[in-house]
Amino acid sequence: MIYLIAIFCAPLALLLIGKPFQALANLILYILSIVFWLTIILHSIGFALWAIGLLHAVLAINNNKADKRVKHLLAEMRARRQTGA
């Protein structure tokens, strides 16, 4: 679901996963992409900036999910070590 939000509004998706500074950087990319889209000559640059923002958001979300998986596995390993199982 968060990936779908990232496609339509990447800064919002980054805010929802708890990365406000990355969301701010992504918002700047989105604003620049809109500005370039509105120009007739540089509209392809606007698309490229949007794609970079989308890629940044997807990679940040994926990294966040991987961090959560690793923390969960480490907590489980510590719990097993303490119980002696």
N, C-alpha and C. Protein backbone atom coordinates (compact mmCIF):
# COMPACT_ATOMS: atom_id res chain seq x y z
N MET A 1 0.82 -1.19 0.00
CA MET A 1 0.00 0.00 0.00
C MET A 1 0.87 1.27 0.00
N ILE A 2 1.95 1.23 0.78
CA ILE A 2 2.81 2.41 0.87
C ILE A 2 3.50 2.68 -0.47
N TYR A 3 3.74 1.61 -1.25
CA TYR A 3 4.34 1.81 -2.56
C TYR A 3 3.37 2.53 -3.51
N LEU A 4 2.10 2.24 -3.38
CA LEU A 4 1.09 2.92 -4.19
C LEU A 4 1.03 4.40 -3.83
N ILE A 5 1.12 4.71 -2.55
CA ILE A 5 1.17 6.11 -2.14
C ILE A 5 2.43 6.78 -2.69
N ALA A 6 3.54 6.04 -2.72
CA ALA A 6 4.79 6.59 -3.23
C ALA A 6 4.69 6.94 -4.71
N ILE A 7 3.91 6.20 -5.46
CA ILE A 7 3.76 6.50 -6.89
C ILE A 7 3.05 7.83 -7.09
N PHE A 8 2.03 8.07 -6.30
CA PHE A 8 1.24 9.29 -6.49
C PHE A 8 1.76 10.49 -5.70
N CYS A 9 2.32 10.24 -4.53
CA CYS A 9 2.83 11.34 -3.71
C CYS A 9 3.98 10.82 -2.84
N ALA A 10 5.16 10.81 -3.41
CA ALA A 10 6.32 10.25 -2.73
C ALA A 10 6.66 10.95 -1.42
N PRO A 11 6.59 12.29 -1.35
CA PRO A 11 6.90 12.92 -0.06
C PRO A 11 5.98 12.46 1.07
N LEU A 12 4.71 12.25 0.77
CA LEU A 12 3.77 11.77 1.77
C LEU A 12 4.14 10.37 2.23
N ALA A 13 4.53 9.51 1.31
CA ALA A 13 4.93 8.15 1.67
C ALA A 13 6.15 8.17 2.58
N LEU A 14 7.09 9.05 2.30
CA LEU A 14 8.28 9.15 3.14
C LEU A 14 7.93 9.69 4.53
N LEU A 15 6.99 10.59 4.58
CA LEU A 15 6.54 11.08 5.89
C LEU A 15 5.86 9.97 6.69
N LEU A 16 5.10 9.14 6.02
CA LEU A 16 4.37 8.08 6.70
C LEU A 16 5.30 7.01 7.28
N ILE A 17 6.47 6.82 6.68
CA ILE A 17 7.41 5.84 7.24
C ILE A 17 8.36 6.47 8.24
N GLY A 18 8.22 7.78 8.48
CA GLY A 18 9.00 8.43 9.51
C GLY A 18 10.33 8.98 9.06
N LYS A 19 10.40 9.48 7.83
CA LYS A 19 11.64 10.06 7.31
C LYS A 19 11.36 11.49 6.84
N PRO A 20 11.27 12.44 7.78
CA PRO A 20 10.86 13.81 7.40
C PRO A 20 11.89 14.56 6.56
N PHE A 21 13.18 14.36 6.81
CA PHE A 21 14.17 15.09 6.03
C PHE A 21 14.26 14.58 4.60
N GLN A 22 14.12 13.27 4.43
CA GLN A 22 14.08 12.73 3.08
C GLN A 22 12.80 13.15 2.37
N ALA A 23 11.72 13.29 3.12
CA ALA A 23 10.46 13.76 2.54
C ALA A 23 10.60 15.20 2.06
N LEU A 24 11.32 16.02 2.82
CA LEU A 24 11.55 17.40 2.41
C LEU A 24 12.38 17.47 1.13
N ALA A 25 13.43 16.67 1.06
CA ALA A 25 14.25 16.63 -0.16
C ALA A 25 13.42 16.16 -1.35
N ASN A 26 12.59 15.16 -1.12
CA ASN A 26 11.74 14.64 -2.19
C ASN A 26 10.69 15.66 -2.60
N LEU A 27 10.19 16.43 -1.66
CA LEU A 27 9.22 17.48 -1.97
C LEU A 27 9.86 18.53 -2.88
N ILE A 28 11.11 18.86 -2.62
CA ILE A 28 11.81 19.81 -3.49
C ILE A 28 11.92 19.26 -4.90
N LEU A 29 12.24 17.97 -5.01
CA LEU A 29 12.28 17.33 -6.34
C LEU A 29 10.92 17.40 -7.03
N TYR A 30 9.85 17.14 -6.27
CA TYR A 30 8.51 17.17 -6.85
C TYR A 30 8.12 18.57 -7.31
N ILE A 31 8.46 19.57 -6.51
CA ILE A 31 8.14 20.95 -6.91
C ILE A 31 8.91 21.32 -8.17
N LEU A 32 10.19 20.95 -8.22
CA LEU A 32 10.98 21.23 -9.43
C LEU A 32 10.42 20.49 -10.65
N SER A 33 9.98 19.26 -10.44
CA SER A 33 9.43 18.52 -11.58
C SER A 33 8.15 19.17 -12.09
N ILE A 34 7.32 19.68 -11.20
CA ILE A 34 6.10 20.36 -11.64
C ILE A 34 6.43 21.64 -12.39
N VAL A 35 7.41 22.38 -11.88
CA VAL A 35 7.82 23.61 -12.56
C VAL A 35 8.33 23.31 -13.96
N PHE A 36 9.15 22.27 -14.09
CA PHE A 36 9.67 21.94 -15.41
C PHE A 36 8.60 21.35 -16.33
N TRP A 37 7.62 20.63 -15.74
CA TRP A 37 6.53 20.11 -16.55
C TRP A 37 5.70 21.24 -17.16
N LEU A 38 5.57 22.33 -16.44
CA LEU A 38 4.76 23.44 -16.92
C LEU A 38 5.43 24.19 -18.08
N THR A 39 6.72 24.05 -18.20
CA THR A 39 7.38 24.67 -19.34
C THR A 39 7.24 23.75 -20.55
N ILE A 40 7.17 24.34 -21.70
CA ILE A 40 7.00 23.54 -22.91
C ILE A 40 8.32 22.91 -23.35
N ILE A 41 9.39 23.62 -23.17
CA ILE A 41 10.69 23.16 -23.67
C ILE A 41 11.32 22.09 -22.77
N LEU A 42 11.19 22.25 -21.47
CA LEU A 42 11.91 21.39 -20.52
C LEU A 42 11.02 20.35 -19.84
N HIS A 43 9.94 19.94 -20.47
CA HIS A 43 9.02 19.00 -19.82
C HIS A 43 9.66 17.63 -19.60
N SER A 44 10.62 17.25 -20.42
CA SER A 44 11.27 15.95 -20.22
C SER A 44 12.14 15.95 -18.96
N ILE A 45 12.70 17.11 -18.62
CA ILE A 45 13.46 17.22 -17.37
C ILE A 45 12.52 17.05 -16.18
N GLY A 46 11.32 17.57 -16.30
CA GLY A 46 10.32 17.41 -15.24
C GLY A 46 9.98 15.95 -15.02
N PHE A 47 9.83 15.20 -16.10
CA PHE A 47 9.56 13.76 -15.97
C PHE A 47 10.73 13.05 -15.33
N ALA A 48 11.95 13.42 -15.70
CA ALA A 48 13.14 12.79 -15.11
C ALA A 48 13.23 13.08 -13.61
N LEU A 49 12.93 14.31 -13.21
CA LEU A 49 12.95 14.64 -11.78
C LEU A 49 11.87 13.88 -11.02
N TRP A 50 10.70 13.72 -11.63
CA TRP A 50 9.64 12.93 -10.99
C TRP A 50 10.09 11.48 -10.83
N ALA A 51 10.73 10.93 -11.86
CA ALA A 51 11.19 9.54 -11.80
C ALA A 51 12.27 9.37 -10.74
N ILE A 52 13.16 10.35 -10.61
CA ILE A 52 14.18 10.29 -9.57
C ILE A 52 13.55 10.34 -8.19
N GLY A 53 12.56 11.20 -8.01
CA GLY A 53 11.86 11.28 -6.74
C GLY A 53 11.14 9.98 -6.40
N LEU A 54 10.50 9.38 -7.39
CA LEU A 54 9.81 8.12 -7.19
C LEU A 54 10.80 7.02 -6.82
N LEU A 55 11.90 6.94 -7.54
CA LEU A 55 12.92 5.93 -7.25
C LEU A 55 13.50 6.12 -5.85
N HIS A 56 13.75 7.35 -5.48
CA HIS A 56 14.24 7.64 -4.14
C HIS A 56 13.26 7.16 -3.07
N ALA A 57 11.99 7.43 -3.27
CA ALA A 57 10.98 7.03 -2.29
C ALA A 57 10.87 5.51 -2.20
N VAL A 58 10.86 4.84 -3.32
CA VAL A 58 10.73 3.38 -3.32
C VAL A 58 11.94 2.74 -2.63
N LEU A 59 13.14 3.24 -2.92
CA LEU A 59 14.33 2.69 -2.29
C LEU A 59 14.35 2.97 -0.79
N ALA A 60 13.90 4.14 -0.38
CA ALA A 60 13.85 4.47 1.05
C ALA A 60 12.84 3.60 1.78
N ILE A 61 11.70 3.34 1.16
CA ILE A 61 10.68 2.48 1.77
C ILE A 61 11.20 1.05 1.87
N ASN A 62 11.85 0.57 0.82
CA ASN A 62 12.40 -0.77 0.83
C ASN A 62 13.48 -0.90 1.92
N ASN A 63 14.32 0.12 2.05
CA ASN A 63 15.37 0.11 3.07
C ASN A 63 14.75 0.13 4.47
N ASN A 64 13.70 0.88 4.65
CA ASN A 64 13.03 0.93 5.95
C ASN A 64 12.44 -0.43 6.31
N LYS A 65 11.83 -1.10 5.35
CA LYS A 65 11.26 -2.42 5.62
C LYS A 65 12.36 -3.43 5.93
N ALA A 66 13.50 -3.35 5.23
CA ALA A 66 14.61 -4.26 5.50
C ALA A 66 15.18 -4.01 6.89
N ASP A 67 15.28 -2.76 7.30
CA ASP A 67 15.75 -2.45 8.66
C ASP A 67 14.83 -3.05 9.71
N LYS A 68 13.53 -2.95 9.49
CA LYS A 68 12.58 -3.52 10.44
C LYS A 68 12.71 -5.04 10.52
N ARG A 69 12.92 -5.70 9.35
CA ARG A 69 13.10 -7.15 9.35
C ARG A 69 14.34 -7.55 10.14
N VAL A 70 15.45 -6.82 9.94
CA VAL A 70 16.69 -7.14 10.62
C VAL A 70 16.54 -6.93 12.13
N LYS A 71 15.90 -5.84 12.53
CA LYS A 71 15.70 -5.60 13.96
C LYS A 71 14.84 -6.69 14.59
N HIS A 72 13.84 -7.14 13.86
CA HIS A 72 12.99 -8.22 14.37
C HIS A 72 13.79 -9.51 14.51
N LEU A 73 14.62 -9.84 13.53
CA LEU A 73 15.42 -11.06 13.60
C LEU A 73 16.44 -10.99 14.73
N LEU A 74 17.06 -9.83 14.91
CA LEU A 74 18.01 -9.68 16.00
C LEU A 74 17.35 -9.82 17.36
N ALA A 75 16.18 -9.24 17.51
CA ALA A 75 15.45 -9.37 18.78
C ALA A 75 15.08 -10.83 19.03
N GLU A 76 14.70 -11.53 18.00
CA GLU A 76 14.34 -12.93 18.15
C GLU A 76 15.57 -13.78 18.51
N MET A 77 16.70 -13.47 17.89
CA MET A 77 17.93 -14.19 18.21
C MET A 77 18.37 -13.94 19.65
N ARG A 78 18.25 -12.71 20.11
CA ARG A 78 18.59 -12.39 21.50
C ARG A 78 17.68 -13.11 22.47
N ALA A 79 16.39 -13.18 22.14
CA ALA A 79 15.44 -13.86 23.00
C ALA A 79 15.75 -15.35 23.07
N ARG A 80 16.12 -15.96 21.98
CA ARG A 80 16.47 -17.38 21.98
C ARG A 80 17.75 -17.63 22.76
N ARG A 81 18.70 -16.70 22.64
CA ARG A 81 19.96 -16.86 23.35
C ARG A 81 19.73 -16.77 24.86
N GLN A 82 18.85 -15.90 25.29
CA GLN A 82 18.58 -15.74 26.71
C GLN A 82 17.84 -16.93 27.31
N THR A 83 16.98 -17.54 26.52
CA THR A 83 16.24 -18.70 27.02
C THR A 83 17.07 -19.98 26.91
N GLY A 84 18.15 -19.95 26.14
CA GLY A 84 19.00 -21.13 26.00
C GLY A 84 18.47 -22.14 25.02
N ALA A 85 17.55 -21.74 24.18
CA ALA A 85 16.98 -22.69 23.21
C ALA A 85 17.78 -22.77 21.95
